Every structure is written in C-alpha cells, then in structure tokens.
Protein backbone atom coordinates (compact mmCIF):
# COMPACT_ATOMS: atom_id res chain seq x y z
CA MET A 1 -65.09 89.10 149.29
CA TRP A 2 -66.87 90.68 152.25
CA LEU A 3 -64.25 89.79 154.28
CA LEU A 4 -61.15 91.38 151.93
CA PHE A 5 -63.87 94.56 152.04
CA LEU A 6 -63.80 94.32 156.01
CA LEU A 7 -59.51 94.01 155.88
CA LEU A 8 -59.37 96.67 153.36
CA LEU A 9 -61.33 99.15 155.27
CA GLY A 10 -59.11 98.43 158.33
CA LEU A 11 -55.31 98.69 156.57
CA ALA A 12 -56.23 102.81 155.55
CA SER A 13 -57.92 103.63 158.74
CA MET A 14 -54.43 102.94 160.33
CA VAL A 15 -52.94 104.65 157.73
CA ALA A 16 -55.24 107.55 158.31
CA LEU A 17 -54.64 106.65 161.53
CA LEU A 18 -50.77 107.10 161.14
CA ILE A 19 -50.64 110.05 159.42
CA TRP A 20 -52.72 111.64 162.22
CA ARG A 21 -50.83 111.33 164.32
CA ALA A 22 -47.12 112.04 162.61
CA THR A 23 -49.47 115.97 161.56
CA HIS A 24 -49.87 116.25 164.73
CA ALA A 25 -46.59 116.00 166.15
CA SER A 26 -44.92 117.66 163.90
CA ARG A 27 -46.92 120.60 164.54
CA ARG A 28 -46.80 119.93 168.46
CA ALA A 29 -42.84 120.79 167.46
CA ARG A 30 -42.70 124.18 166.08
CA ARG A 31 -44.79 125.28 168.92
CA ILE A 32 -41.76 126.10 171.45
CA PRO A 33 -42.42 127.29 174.20
CA LYS A 34 -41.99 130.68 176.32
CA ALA A 35 -39.71 129.30 178.35
CA ASN A 36 -37.85 127.57 176.09
CA LEU A 37 -37.13 130.49 174.09
CA VAL A 38 -36.09 132.27 176.76
CA SER A 39 -33.57 129.16 177.76
CA LEU A 40 -32.51 129.36 173.75
CA ASP A 41 -31.73 133.62 173.96
CA ALA A 42 -29.86 132.77 177.32
CA ARG A 43 -28.17 129.83 175.74
CA LEU A 44 -26.92 131.75 173.07
CA MET A 45 -25.85 135.31 174.81
CA ARG A 46 -23.79 132.91 176.98
CA GLY A 47 -21.88 131.09 173.76
CA ARG A 48 -21.04 134.55 172.92
CA GLN A 49 -20.07 136.17 175.79
CA GLN A 50 -17.81 133.11 176.36
CA ASN A 51 -16.50 133.10 172.20
CA ARG A 52 -14.94 137.18 173.18
CA SER A 53 -13.87 135.66 176.73
CA GLY A 54 -11.75 133.12 174.47
CA ALA A 55 -11.49 135.40 171.99
CA ARG A 56 -9.48 138.10 175.11
CA ASN A 57 -7.69 135.07 176.09
CA GLY A 58 -6.04 133.45 172.53
CA GLY A 59 -5.43 137.22 171.69
CA SER A 60 -3.65 137.28 175.72
CA PHE A 61 -1.77 134.38 174.73
CA ALA A 62 -0.66 135.23 171.88
CA MET A 63 0.79 138.59 173.02
CA SER A 64 3.01 136.94 175.51
CA ILE A 65 4.66 133.96 173.07
CA VAL A 66 5.51 137.24 170.98
CA ASP A 67 6.80 138.75 173.66
CA ARG A 68 8.65 136.13 174.36
CA LEU A 69 10.10 135.07 171.22
CA SER A 70 10.98 139.21 170.74
CA ARG A 71 12.88 138.99 173.95
CA LEU A 72 14.35 135.67 173.61
CA PHE A 73 15.54 137.10 170.38
CA SER A 74 16.97 140.47 171.02
CA LYS A 75 20.16 141.38 171.74
CA THR A 76 20.42 142.21 175.77
CA PRO A 77 23.68 143.38 177.01
CA VAL A 78 25.18 140.08 179.01
CA PRO A 79 25.93 141.14 183.15
CA PRO A 80 29.26 141.43 183.77
CA VAL A 81 31.03 138.56 185.65
CA SER A 82 31.16 139.00 189.48
CA GLU A 83 35.17 139.11 190.61
CA ASP A 84 33.73 136.00 192.72
CA HIS A 85 33.12 133.53 189.87
CA ARG A 86 35.97 134.55 187.73
CA SER A 87 38.29 132.14 186.89
CA PRO A 88 41.30 132.18 188.75
CA SER A 89 44.38 133.56 186.65
CA PRO A 90 47.15 130.80 186.16
CA VAL A 91 49.97 130.09 188.57
CA PRO A 92 52.96 132.78 188.06
CA ALA A 93 56.06 130.65 186.79
CA ILE A 94 59.16 130.21 188.93
CA VAL A 95 62.43 132.06 187.38
CA VAL A 96 65.37 131.08 189.60
CA ASP A 97 69.00 131.40 188.46
CA TYR A 98 70.30 127.50 190.14
CA GLU A 99 74.17 129.78 188.52
CA ASP A 100 73.25 132.00 191.41
CA GLU A 101 76.55 132.60 193.84
CA ARG A 102 74.61 132.47 196.62
CA VAL A 103 73.77 128.58 196.17
CA PRO A 104 76.70 126.79 197.37
CA SER A 105 78.41 124.74 195.20
CA GLY A 106 77.77 121.48 196.70
CA ALA A 107 73.53 122.38 196.30
CA GLN A 108 74.47 123.67 192.46
CA ASP A 109 76.06 119.72 191.28
CA ARG A 110 73.16 118.20 193.18
CA ILE A 111 70.70 120.70 191.37
CA ARG A 112 72.51 119.52 187.57
CA ARG A 113 72.57 116.27 188.71
CA ILE A 114 68.56 116.12 189.25
CA LEU A 115 67.91 118.36 186.10
CA ALA A 116 69.92 115.41 183.96
CA SER A 117 67.38 112.71 185.50
CA LEU A 118 64.56 114.30 185.04
CA GLU A 119 65.70 114.96 181.28
CA GLY A 120 66.21 111.14 181.13
CA VAL A 121 62.90 110.25 182.98
CA GLN A 122 61.17 112.56 179.57
CA VAL A 123 62.91 110.17 177.95
CA ALA A 124 62.09 107.14 179.35
CA MET A 125 58.06 108.28 179.91
CA SER A 126 57.91 108.96 175.61
CA ARG A 127 59.10 104.87 175.51
CA GLU A 128 56.49 103.93 177.71
CA GLU A 129 52.42 103.87 178.63
CA ILE A 130 53.02 106.16 182.12
CA PRO A 131 49.89 107.70 183.62
CA SER A 132 49.48 110.97 183.03
CA PHE A 133 49.61 112.23 186.94
CA ASN A 134 53.08 110.47 186.99
CA ARG A 135 54.04 112.72 184.36
CA VAL A 136 52.74 115.85 186.22
CA ASP A 137 54.11 114.89 189.68
CA VAL A 138 57.51 114.72 187.02
CA GLU A 139 56.43 118.47 185.85
CA GLN A 140 55.75 119.72 189.01
CA MET A 141 59.13 118.95 190.49
CA ARG A 142 61.10 120.38 187.55
CA ASP A 143 58.83 123.81 187.14
CA LEU A 144 57.49 123.94 190.65
CA HIS A 145 59.30 122.10 193.50
CA LEU A 146 62.43 122.90 192.40
CA PRO A 147 62.91 126.35 191.89
CA LYS A 148 60.92 126.61 194.63
CA LEU A 149 63.45 125.25 196.66
CA VAL A 150 66.19 127.31 195.31
CA LYS A 151 64.38 130.30 195.19
CA SER A 152 63.18 130.15 198.98
CA TYR A 153 67.30 129.26 199.61
CA ILE A 154 68.45 132.49 198.07
CA ASP A 155 65.69 134.87 200.00
CA ILE A 156 66.90 133.65 202.92
CA PRO A 157 69.05 137.11 203.75
CA ALA A 158 72.85 136.29 204.93
CA ALA A 159 73.26 137.55 207.96
CA HIS A 160 69.59 135.45 209.10
CA ARG A 161 70.56 132.18 207.96
CA SER A 162 72.04 131.69 211.54
CA GLU A 163 68.23 131.38 212.24
CA ILE A 164 67.82 128.14 210.70
CA PHE A 165 70.84 126.73 212.54
CA ARG A 166 68.59 127.43 215.76
CA ARG A 167 65.37 126.08 214.73
CA THR A 168 66.65 123.15 213.41
CA GLY A 169 69.74 122.60 214.74
CA LYS A 170 71.28 122.35 211.30
CA SER A 171 72.66 124.89 209.00
CA ALA A 172 70.49 125.97 206.24
CA SER A 173 72.93 124.74 203.47
CA PHE A 174 72.58 121.56 204.52
CA LYS A 175 69.30 121.35 204.94
CA LEU A 176 68.97 122.75 201.21
CA ASN A 177 70.85 119.73 200.47
CA GLU A 178 69.15 117.16 202.69
CA SER A 179 66.10 118.48 200.55
CA LEU A 180 67.43 117.50 197.03
CA ASP A 181 69.43 114.25 198.35
CA GLN A 182 65.56 113.53 198.75
CA MET A 183 64.17 115.11 194.77
CA GLN A 184 66.38 113.05 193.69
CA SER A 185 66.11 109.64 195.72
CA LYS A 186 63.06 109.63 194.01
CA ILE A 187 63.77 110.14 191.04
CA ASP A 188 66.20 107.12 191.26
CA ASP A 189 63.00 105.83 191.76
CA ILE A 190 61.28 106.86 188.90
CA LEU A 191 64.19 105.75 187.54
CA ARG A 192 64.29 102.78 188.30
CA ASN A 193 60.47 101.39 187.75
CA LEU A 194 60.89 102.36 184.12
CA ALA A 195 64.49 101.06 183.61
CA GLN A 196 62.44 97.74 185.01
CA HIS A 197 59.71 97.52 182.20
CA ASP A 198 62.85 97.70 179.75
CA ILE A 199 64.26 94.86 181.24
CA ASP A 200 60.97 92.82 180.82
CA ALA A 201 60.74 94.22 177.48
CA PHE A 202 64.34 92.26 177.00
CA ALA A 203 63.17 89.44 178.99
CA ASN A 204 60.24 88.49 177.21
CA ASN A 205 61.86 89.10 174.24
CA ILE A 206 64.74 86.52 174.60
CA LYS A 207 62.78 84.32 175.93
CA PHE A 208 60.93 84.48 172.72
CA ILE A 209 63.30 83.98 171.06
CA GLY A 210 64.40 80.97 172.99
CA GLN A 211 61.66 79.13 172.09
CA LYS A 212 60.96 79.82 168.48
CA TYR A 213 64.43 79.62 167.16
CA SER A 214 65.22 76.63 169.68
CA ASP A 215 67.84 74.08 168.67
CA ASP A 216 65.58 71.29 169.89
CA ASP A 217 63.07 71.34 167.43
CA ASP A 218 65.54 71.27 164.19
CA PRO A 219 63.85 68.89 162.09
CA PHE A 220 67.53 68.41 160.65
CA LYS A 221 69.27 68.34 162.95
C-alpha cells in the first residue's frame, strides 16, 4: 500500500516539474532582448527598402517593355535604299536589223540559216528533258550573241573597216562570216546530240518490238 502511494507521489512530482519547465520556457520566450528588437526593426526596414527598390525596378522593366512594343508597332518611315544596294537593272535587249544593207549578202544567208537552226533546236528541246543551262545557252546565242556580233559589224564606219584587215590580215566581212560559221557549227553539234536521243529512242523501240513480237516465240508456228 505504501509502495503504491510513493509511486503516485513520484509521478505527480514529475508532472509538476514538467509543467513548471514549460511555463518558465514560455515566459523566457516572450521576453525579447533589446538587441533582438533592434535587429528585428532593421530587418523590417531592410525588407521595406528592398520592396521599394523592387517596385522601382519592376516599374522600369514594365516601362521598357511598353517602350519596345510601342517602337515595334509604330509606323516609322523606312529609309530609302542607297544607290549601291539597289538591284541591277536588266540588260537592255539588243535590237538589230539582220537585213540591213550594210550586212554582206553572204553573212545574211548565214544569219538566216542560224535563226532557222535555232528554231529547230527549240522544237527538239521541247521534246527532250534538257538541262536548263543548255536552254539558257541557246537563248543567249539567239537573243544576245548573234545580234551583238552583227551590230558590232554594222557600227564600224565603212571608211575605217580596213583597220580590221591591218590588225588581223583579214577583212571585216571575212571575220564576220567566220564568226557566224563558228556559231552554226555549235548549233549543228547541239542538233546532232538532240537527234541522237531520238535515234536511241527509235532503236530501243525497234529492239523491244522485235523481242515482244518475234515469230520465234509463236506457239502456232
């Protein structure tokens, strides 16, 4: 009986001690030293200053975004392009009369043949798969090189055409015909190559027909 009483008394003492410690700790926590109060005020002031500076920075950042957007969508006049950056103007077409009386008759015959041959090249190229650079070469020959050659001959004053003979040992009309013959030779090569495509296609068709419909495979023979 006494043992139970002592145990209960000990437990009550321990509970009372725990309650006293908790109460004493809470009272000490409520007492804030002056140094801590000063540091707390300093922290509050520092936080307010940071908020103010952040607000100022945020406002300036927002204003910078508004300025950028206004500059982006504002209709500012486009400065004119300088002369150095403009696209080059197209080369003017060379106009020449191939039937001009100053052009020798032999040269006129050659020019007519060249023009007819170039038409044949155009027709042949329309049937074949020709690279684009070959088409450009033919167009330049017809629209640029040939008229430029003939015009350069016509522009030579008749009284000074003998200068060509003194420089080259050949007359101006001879050099003109020689250049026209070189152009015709080139056109003939082009026509020959184009014709070879047609010849090869015809030969392949003959070979196919011979293999497909040969009498050697006729089961009724």
